[in-house]
């Protein structure tokens, strides 16, 4: 599968926010993340970087 895992970067550390992410949508200042299982998280954050080979999305809180 090609889903990614979303991580929050805090003090240089990766903290898993949501696994098996299928969709990331901007919603004003928030991002809505949806997993392949329908689990949703809305967070006030921005995309810091992507590691496509490793299937990781790195976010920073605003």
Protein backbone atom coordinates (compact mmCIF):
# COMPACT_ATOMS: atom_id res chain seq x y z
CA UNK A 1 0.00 0.00 0.00
CA UNK A 2 1.09 3.56 -0.62
CA UNK A 3 -0.48 5.37 2.32
CA UNK A 4 1.63 7.67 4.42
CA UNK A 5 1.96 8.28 8.11
CA UNK A 6 1.58 11.84 9.40
CA UNK A 7 3.95 13.04 12.09
CA UNK A 8 4.08 16.24 14.16
CA UNK A 9 7.58 17.59 14.64
CA UNK A 10 8.10 18.67 18.26
CA UNK A 11 11.51 19.67 19.56
CA UNK A 12 13.16 17.85 16.65
CA UNK A 13 11.29 14.61 17.42
CA UNK A 14 8.70 12.83 15.27
CA UNK A 15 5.39 12.15 17.02
CA UNK A 16 2.93 9.96 15.11
CA UNK A 17 -0.34 11.78 14.54
CA UNK A 18 -2.16 9.41 12.16
CA UNK A 19 -1.17 6.23 10.31
CA UNK A 20 -2.42 5.06 6.91
CA UNK A 21 -3.24 8.59 5.73
CA UNK A 22 -5.05 8.68 2.41
CA UNK A 23 -6.09 12.34 2.23
CA UNK A 24 -4.80 15.68 3.50
CA UNK A 25 -7.01 18.69 2.82
CA UNK A 26 -6.41 22.31 3.77
CA UNK A 27 -9.33 23.85 5.66
CA UNK A 28 -8.46 27.47 6.37
CA UNK A 29 -5.59 27.37 8.88
CA UNK A 30 -6.28 23.70 9.62
CA UNK A 31 -5.42 20.47 7.87
CA UNK A 32 -7.91 17.61 7.73
CA UNK A 33 -6.28 14.20 7.61
CA UNK A 34 -8.28 11.10 6.71
CA UNK A 35 -7.00 7.54 6.99
CA UNK A 36 -7.98 4.65 4.73
CA UNK A 37 -10.17 3.43 7.60
CA UNK A 38 -12.15 6.70 7.75
CA UNK A 39 -10.48 8.03 10.91
CA UNK A 40 -10.20 11.82 10.72
CA UNK A 41 -8.07 14.36 12.53
CA UNK A 42 -8.21 18.11 12.16
CA UNK A 43 -5.16 20.02 13.32
CA UNK A 44 -3.97 23.60 13.12
CA UNK A 45 -0.72 22.83 11.31
CA UNK A 46 1.30 23.28 8.15
CA UNK A 47 3.19 20.76 6.07
CA UNK A 48 6.88 20.94 6.93
CA UNK A 49 8.14 18.30 4.49
CA UNK A 50 7.34 15.02 2.74
CA UNK A 51 9.40 11.87 2.51
CA UNK A 52 7.67 10.02 -0.30
CA UNK A 53 10.04 7.06 -0.39
CA UNK A 54 9.48 6.53 3.34
CA UNK A 55 5.75 7.36 3.15
CA UNK A 56 5.99 10.09 5.78
CA UNK A 57 4.37 13.52 6.04
CA UNK A 58 5.91 15.91 8.55
CA UNK A 59 3.73 18.65 10.04
CA UNK A 60 4.41 21.60 12.34
CA UNK A 61 1.74 23.09 14.56
CA UNK A 62 0.84 26.73 13.98
